[in-house]
Amino acid sequence: MQYWQDRYLQNSTGWDLGAVSPPLKAYFDQLSNKDYKILIPGAGNAYEAEYLHKVGATSVFVADWAQQAIDNIKKRIPCFPDSQLLAQDFFKLEGSFDLIVEQTFFCALPPQLRKEYVDKMHDLLAPNGKLVGLLFQVPLNQNHPPFGGDKAEYLSLFESKFEIITLDTAHNSIESRQENELFFIFKAK
């Protein structure tokens, strides 16, 4: 946890796009229910939460290990409800959500936690809830974040607990991530 706090304090956040990711924005734009209970774990500066909040989503929860990330959100979006900003360990979160958004959190976790991640995501989703987001489809690093992966690995991790609705190369990633991101929609079984 201190690792991530230090990264924010040092402004060493190379993964941060400074805006909502285009594939996620496109997904959010087609959501008709603004009352979904949404969780964005490992949200960092949470541009996805900011976007959802601005378009009228009323129940968006942000979780991050780093208090500095939560403080950054409070400064940038002062009207965001404090009760929906959670500075805590994802693996200790409780609740039930209709939608969970994945944006660079999975790749920040050590690979040995991936099975635990899948189990926790499943536990946090309401019946028929969806896990939606982006996963890197490149090897990346072996000994520090970000950790990559590939489609076959992700299928083997998620298919026992989730119906795989979509897992394809994102067609609208930012230029530096073109062909390197998989957009996915997984529905809890």
C-alpha atoms as a PDB file:
ATOM      1  CA  MET A   1       0.000   0.000   0.000  1.00  0.00           C
ATOM      2  CA  GLN A   2       2.827   2.400   0.795  1.00  0.00           C
ATOM      3  CA  TYR A   3       4.259   1.701  -2.668  1.00  0.00           C
ATOM      4  CA  TRP A   4       1.140   3.177  -4.297  1.00  0.00           C
ATOM      5  CA  GLN A   5       0.914   6.082  -1.856  1.00  0.00           C
ATOM      6  CA  ASP A   6       4.526   6.966  -2.700  1.00  0.00           C
ATOM      7  CA  ARG A   7       3.837   6.781  -6.437  1.00  0.00           C
ATOM      8  CA  TYR A   8       1.058   9.357  -6.083  1.00  0.00           C
ATOM      9  CA  LEU A   9       3.086  11.588  -3.790  1.00  0.00           C
ATOM     10  CA  GLN A  10       5.967  11.549  -6.306  1.00  0.00           C
ATOM     11  CA  ASN A  11       3.556  12.062  -9.218  1.00  0.00           C
ATOM     12  CA  SER A  12       4.974   8.878 -10.741  1.00  0.00           C
ATOM     13  CA  THR A  13       1.749   7.799 -12.408  1.00  0.00           C
ATOM     14  CA  GLY A  14       2.668   6.966 -15.987  1.00  0.00           C
ATOM     15  CA  TRP A  15      -0.431   4.793 -16.395  1.00  0.00           C
ATOM     16  CA  ASP A  16      -2.712   7.774 -15.704  1.00  0.00           C
ATOM     17  CA  LEU A  17      -4.370   8.961 -18.932  1.00  0.00           C
ATOM     18  CA  GLY A  18      -5.633  12.193 -17.387  1.00  0.00           C
ATOM     19  CA  ALA A  19      -9.102  11.418 -18.784  1.00  0.00           C
ATOM     20  CA  VAL A  20     -11.613   8.610 -19.038  1.00  0.00           C
ATOM     21  CA  SER A  21     -10.342   5.783 -21.252  1.00  0.00           C
ATOM     22  CA  PRO A  22     -12.124   5.905 -24.656  1.00  0.00           C
ATOM     23  CA  PRO A  23     -13.304   2.254 -24.617  1.00  0.00           C
ATOM     24  CA  LEU A  24     -14.813   2.731 -21.164  1.00  0.00           C
ATOM     25  CA  LYS A  25     -16.374   6.062 -22.104  1.00  0.00           C
ATOM     26  CA  ALA A  26     -18.060   4.370 -25.075  1.00  0.00           C
ATOM     27  CA  TYR A  27     -19.396   1.649 -22.774  1.00  0.00           C
ATOM     28  CA  PHE A  28     -20.632   4.182 -20.195  1.00  0.00           C
ATOM     29  CA  ASP A  29     -22.342   6.225 -22.905  1.00  0.00           C
ATOM     30  CA  GLN A  30     -24.619   3.314 -23.775  1.00  0.00           C
ATOM     31  CA  LEU A  31     -25.691   2.642 -20.162  1.00  0.00           C
ATOM     32  CA  SER A  32     -29.336   3.586 -19.747  1.00  0.00           C
ATOM     33  CA  ASN A  33     -29.626   2.930 -15.995  1.00  0.00           C
ATOM     34  CA  LYS A  34     -27.997   5.744 -14.010  1.00  0.00           C
ATOM     35  CA  ASP A  35     -28.945   4.034 -10.728  1.00  0.00           C
ATOM     36  CA  TYR A  36     -26.569   1.087 -11.081  1.00  0.00           C
ATOM     37  CA  LYS A  37     -24.384   0.617  -8.023  1.00  0.00           C
ATOM     38  CA  ILE A  38     -20.886   0.859  -9.560  1.00  0.00           C
ATOM     39  CA  LEU A  39     -17.488   0.102  -8.053  1.00  0.00           C
ATOM     40  CA  ILE A  40     -14.158   1.208  -9.500  1.00  0.00           C
ATOM     41  CA  PRO A  41     -11.411  -0.561  -7.502  1.00  0.00           C
ATOM     42  CA  GLY A  42      -7.798   0.574  -7.682  1.00  0.00           C
ATOM     43  CA  ALA A  43      -9.265   3.669  -9.269  1.00  0.00           C
ATOM     44  CA  GLY A  44      -6.291   5.972  -8.897  1.00  0.00           C
ATOM     45  CA  ASN A  45      -7.335   9.449  -9.977  1.00  0.00           C
ATOM     46  CA  ALA A  46     -10.679   7.950 -11.090  1.00  0.00           C
ATOM     47  CA  TYR A  47     -11.423   9.794 -14.313  1.00  0.00           C
ATOM     48  CA  GLU A  48     -13.966   7.046 -15.027  1.00  0.00           C
ATOM     49  CA  ALA A  49     -15.779   7.877 -11.778  1.00  0.00           C
ATOM     50  CA  GLU A  50     -15.640  11.574 -12.603  1.00  0.00           C
ATOM     51  CA  TYR A  51     -17.180  10.945 -16.015  1.00  0.00           C
ATOM     52  CA  LEU A  52     -19.927   8.710 -14.617  1.00  0.00           C
ATOM     53  CA  HIS A  53     -20.689  11.277 -11.929  1.00  0.00           C
ATOM     54  CA  LYS A  54     -20.955  14.072 -14.505  1.00  0.00           C
ATOM     55  CA  VAL A  55     -23.383  12.092 -16.677  1.00  0.00           C
ATOM     56  CA  GLY A  56     -25.682  11.455 -13.727  1.00  0.00           C
ATOM     57  CA  ALA A  57     -24.671   8.110 -12.237  1.00  0.00           C
ATOM     58  CA  THR A  58     -25.641   8.443  -8.586  1.00  0.00           C
ATOM     59  CA  SER A  59     -24.072   5.420  -6.931  1.00  0.00           C
ATOM     60  CA  VAL A  60     -20.431   5.264  -8.032  1.00  0.00           C
ATOM     61  CA  PHE A  61     -17.942   4.008  -5.440  1.00  0.00           C
ATOM     62  CA  VAL A  62     -14.206   4.494  -5.773  1.00  0.00           C
ATOM     63  CA  ALA A  63     -11.684   2.347  -3.886  1.00  0.00           C
ATOM     64  CA  ASP A  64      -7.938   2.731  -3.758  1.00  0.00           C
ATOM     65  CA  TRP A  65      -5.160   1.714  -1.382  1.00  0.00           C
ATOM     66  CA  ALA A  66      -3.512   5.120  -1.653  1.00  0.00           C
ATOM     67  CA  GLN A  67      -5.046   7.907   0.410  1.00  0.00           C
ATOM     68  CA  GLN A  68      -3.359  10.398  -1.933  1.00  0.00           C
ATOM     69  CA  ALA A  69      -5.395   9.062  -4.866  1.00  0.00           C
ATOM     70  CA  ILE A  70      -8.598   9.567  -2.863  1.00  0.00           C
ATOM     71  CA  ASP A  71      -7.441  13.076  -1.856  1.00  0.00           C
ATOM     72  CA  ASN A  72      -6.774  13.899  -5.518  1.00  0.00           C
ATOM     73  CA  ILE A  73     -10.354  12.916  -6.403  1.00  0.00           C
ATOM     74  CA  LYS A  74     -11.760  15.052  -3.566  1.00  0.00           C
ATOM     75  CA  LYS A  75      -9.812  18.069  -4.828  1.00  0.00           C
ATOM     76  CA  ARG A  76     -10.812  17.572  -8.449  1.00  0.00           C
ATOM     77  CA  ILE A  77     -14.469  16.659  -7.798  1.00  0.00           C
ATOM     78  CA  PRO A  78     -15.494  18.368  -4.552  1.00  0.00           C
ATOM     79  CA  CYS A  79     -19.158  17.411  -5.034  1.00  0.00           C
ATOM     80  CA  PHE A  80     -18.363  13.670  -5.201  1.00  0.00           C
ATOM     81  CA  PRO A  81     -19.898  12.038  -2.092  1.00  0.00           C
ATOM     82  CA  ASP A  82     -17.235  11.368   0.564  1.00  0.00           C
ATOM     83  CA  SER A  83     -19.084   8.206   1.627  1.00  0.00           C
ATOM     84  CA  GLN A  84     -18.400   6.773  -1.841  1.00  0.00           C
ATOM     85  CA  LEU A  85     -14.623   7.343  -1.674  1.00  0.00           C
ATOM     86  CA  LEU A  86     -13.016   4.327  -0.021  1.00  0.00           C
ATOM     87  CA  ALA A  87      -9.348   4.413   0.956  1.00  0.00           C
ATOM     88  CA  GLN A  88      -8.958   0.740   1.730  1.00  0.00           C
ATOM     89  CA  ASP A  89      -7.738  -2.670   0.696  1.00  0.00           C
ATOM     90  CA  PHE A  90      -9.774  -4.033  -2.216  1.00  0.00           C
ATOM     91  CA  PHE A  91      -9.611  -7.538  -0.786  1.00  0.00           C
ATOM     92  CA  LYS A  92     -11.394  -6.327   2.365  1.00  0.00           C
ATOM     93  CA  LEU A  93     -14.201  -4.485   0.570  1.00  0.00           C
ATOM     94  CA  GLU A  94     -17.756  -5.546   1.266  1.00  0.00           C
ATOM     95  CA  GLY A  95     -20.972  -4.874  -0.549  1.00  0.00           C
ATOM     96  CA  SER A  96     -22.826  -5.796  -3.677  1.00  0.00           C
ATOM     97  CA  PHE A  97     -22.460  -3.964  -6.969  1.00  0.00           C
ATOM     98  CA  ASP A  98     -24.287  -4.124 -10.295  1.00  0.00           C
ATOM     99  CA  LEU A  99     -21.200  -3.128 -12.244  1.00  0.00           C
ATOM    100  CA  ILE A 100     -17.489  -3.181 -11.450  1.00  0.00           C
ATOM    101  CA  VAL A 101     -15.093  -1.286 -13.712  1.00  0.00           C
ATOM    102  CA  GLU A 102     -11.553  -2.548 -14.317  1.00  0.00           C
ATOM    103  CA  GLN A 103      -9.022   0.062 -15.432  1.00  0.00           C
ATOM    104  CA  THR A 104      -5.324  -0.787 -14.764  1.00  0.00           C
ATOM    105  CA  PHE A 105      -6.023  -2.334 -11.347  1.00  0.00           C
ATOM    106  CA  PHE A 106      -5.567  -5.960 -12.445  1.00  0.00           C
ATOM    107  CA  CYS A 107      -2.152  -5.236 -13.986  1.00  0.00           C
ATOM    108  CA  ALA A 108      -1.011  -3.501 -10.781  1.00  0.00           C
ATOM    109  CA  LEU A 109      -1.489  -6.631  -8.698  1.00  0.00           C
ATOM    110  CA  PRO A 110       1.220  -9.265  -8.397  1.00  0.00           C
ATOM    111  CA  PRO A 111       0.256 -12.204 -10.636  1.00  0.00           C
ATOM    112  CA  GLN A 112      -0.031 -14.550  -7.638  1.00  0.00           C
ATOM    113  CA  LEU A 113      -3.101 -12.511  -6.540  1.00  0.00           C
ATOM    114  CA  ARG A 114      -4.998 -12.938  -9.804  1.00  0.00           C
ATOM    115  CA  LYS A 115      -7.113 -15.905  -8.662  1.00  0.00           C
ATOM    116  CA  GLU A 116      -7.964 -14.050  -5.451  1.00  0.00           C
ATOM    117  CA  TYR A 117      -8.891 -10.992  -7.579  1.00  0.00           C
ATOM    118  CA  VAL A 118     -11.288 -13.083  -9.681  1.00  0.00           C
ATOM    119  CA  ASP A 119     -12.890 -14.582  -6.563  1.00  0.00           C
ATOM    120  CA  LYS A 120     -13.275 -11.182  -4.897  1.00  0.00           C
ATOM    121  CA  MET A 121     -14.747  -9.582  -8.014  1.00  0.00           C
ATOM    122  CA  HIS A 122     -17.282 -12.387  -8.214  1.00  0.00           C
ATOM    123  CA  ASP A 123     -18.139 -12.022  -4.517  1.00  0.00           C
ATOM    124  CA  LEU A 124     -18.679  -8.259  -4.864  1.00  0.00           C
ATOM    125  CA  LEU A 125     -21.036  -8.528  -7.829  1.00  0.00           C
ATOM    126  CA  ALA A 126     -24.793  -8.767  -7.448  1.00  0.00           C
ATOM    127  CA  PRO A 127     -26.435 -11.737  -9.209  1.00  0.00           C
ATOM    128  CA  ASN A 128     -25.971 -11.201 -12.960  1.00  0.00           C
ATOM    129  CA  GLY A 129     -23.690  -8.237 -12.227  1.00  0.00           C
ATOM    130  CA  LYS A 130     -21.012  -7.344 -14.756  1.00  0.00           C
ATOM    131  CA  LEU A 131     -17.287  -6.813 -14.578  1.00  0.00           C
ATOM    132  CA  VAL A 132     -16.303  -4.501 -17.456  1.00  0.00           C
ATOM    133  CA  GLY A 133     -12.990  -3.018 -18.412  1.00  0.00           C
ATOM    134  CA  LEU A 134      -9.625  -3.297 -20.069  1.00  0.00           C
ATOM    135  CA  LEU A 135      -6.791  -5.788 -19.682  1.00  0.00           C
ATOM    136  CA  PHE A 136      -3.370  -5.541 -21.272  1.00  0.00           C
ATOM    137  CA  GLN A 137      -2.601  -8.183 -23.890  1.00  0.00           C
ATOM    138  CA  VAL A 138       1.168  -7.785 -23.779  1.00  0.00           C
ATOM    139  CA  PRO A 139       3.765  -9.405 -21.475  1.00  0.00           C
ATOM    140  CA  LEU A 140       4.967  -6.151 -19.784  1.00  0.00           C
ATOM    141  CA  ASN A 141       7.018  -6.674 -16.580  1.00  0.00           C
ATOM    142  CA  GLN A 142       7.993  -9.764 -14.576  1.00  0.00           C
ATOM    143  CA  ASN A 143       9.038  -8.240 -11.247  1.00  0.00           C
ATOM    144  CA  HIS A 144       7.055  -4.992 -10.852  1.00  0.00           C
ATOM    145  CA  PRO A 145       3.804  -3.430 -12.052  1.00  0.00           C
ATOM    146  CA  PRO A 146       2.395  -3.261 -14.592  1.00  0.00           C
ATOM    147  CA  PHE A 147       2.060  -6.984 -15.174  1.00  0.00           C
ATOM    148  CA  GLY A 148       0.626  -8.046 -18.502  1.00  0.00           C
ATOM    149  CA  GLY A 149      -0.975 -11.173 -19.813  1.00  0.00           C
ATOM    150  CA  ASP A 150      -2.874 -12.586 -22.744  1.00  0.00           C
ATOM    151  CA  LYS A 151      -6.344 -13.644 -23.786  1.00  0.00           C
ATOM    152  CA  ALA A 152      -5.798 -17.355 -23.102  1.00  0.00           C
ATOM    153  CA  GLU A 153      -4.600 -16.635 -19.552  1.00  0.00           C
ATOM    154  CA  TYR A 154      -7.567 -14.375 -18.855  1.00  0.00           C
ATOM    155  CA  LEU A 155     -10.049 -16.911 -20.175  1.00  0.00           C
ATOM    156  CA  SER A 156      -8.613 -19.617 -17.938  1.00  0.00           C
ATOM    157  CA  LEU A 157      -8.773 -17.284 -14.915  1.00  0.00           C
ATOM    158  CA  PHE A 158     -12.279 -15.925 -15.364  1.00  0.00           C
ATOM    159  CA  GLU A 159     -14.384 -18.546 -17.165  1.00  0.00           C
ATOM    160  CA  SER A 160     -15.204 -20.639 -14.085  1.00  0.00           C
ATOM    161  CA  LYS A 161     -16.962 -17.729 -12.326  1.00  0.00           C
ATOM    162  CA  PHE A 162     -18.008 -15.513 -15.232  1.00  0.00           C
ATOM    163  CA  GLU A 163     -19.858 -15.807 -18.502  1.00  0.00           C
ATOM    164  CA  ILE A 164     -17.506 -14.295 -21.084  1.00  0.00           C
ATOM    165  CA  ILE A 165     -19.665 -11.895 -23.085  1.00  0.00           C
ATOM    166  CA  THR A 166     -16.829 -10.009 -24.773  1.00  0.00           C
ATOM    167  CA  LEU A 167     -13.042 -10.319 -24.662  1.00  0.00           C
ATOM    168  CA  ASP A 168     -11.612  -8.678 -27.762  1.00  0.00           C
ATOM    169  CA  THR A 169      -8.954  -6.194 -28.782  1.00  0.00           C
ATOM    170  CA  ALA A 170     -10.247  -2.702 -28.044  1.00  0.00           C
ATOM    171  CA  HIS A 171     -10.794  -0.823 -31.291  1.00  0.00           C
ATOM    172  CA  ASN A 172     -10.746   2.642 -29.736  1.00  0.00           C
ATOM    173  CA  SER A 173      -7.780   2.643 -27.334  1.00  0.00           C
ATOM    174  CA  ILE A 174      -5.550   5.688 -27.083  1.00  0.00           C
ATOM    175  CA  GLU A 175      -2.726   5.632 -29.616  1.00  0.00           C
ATOM    176  CA  SER A 176      -0.004   4.406 -27.232  1.00  0.00           C
ATOM    177  CA  ARG A 177      -2.193   1.428 -26.233  1.00  0.00           C
ATOM    178  CA  GLN A 178      -3.509   0.501 -29.690  1.00  0.00           C
ATOM    179  CA  GLU A 179      -3.615  -3.301 -30.129  1.00  0.00           C
ATOM    180  CA  ASN A 180      -2.391  -3.758 -26.527  1.00  0.00           C
ATOM    181  CA  GLU A 181      -5.730  -3.664 -24.688  1.00  0.00           C
ATOM    182  CA  LEU A 182      -8.537  -6.179 -24.514  1.00  0.00           C
ATOM    183  CA  PHE A 183     -11.985  -4.753 -23.821  1.00  0.00           C
ATOM    184  CA  PHE A 184     -14.115  -7.162 -21.853  1.00  0.00           C
ATOM    185  CA  ILE A 185     -17.568  -7.686 -20.416  1.00  0.00           C
ATOM    186  CA  PHE A 186     -17.895 -10.610 -17.990  1.00  0.00           C
ATOM    187  CA  LYS A 187     -21.192 -11.499 -16.341  1.00  0.00           C
ATOM    188  CA  ALA A 188     -21.191 -13.168 -12.916  1.00  0.00           C
ATOM    189  CA  LYS A 189     -22.433 -16.768 -13.021  1.00  0.00           C
END
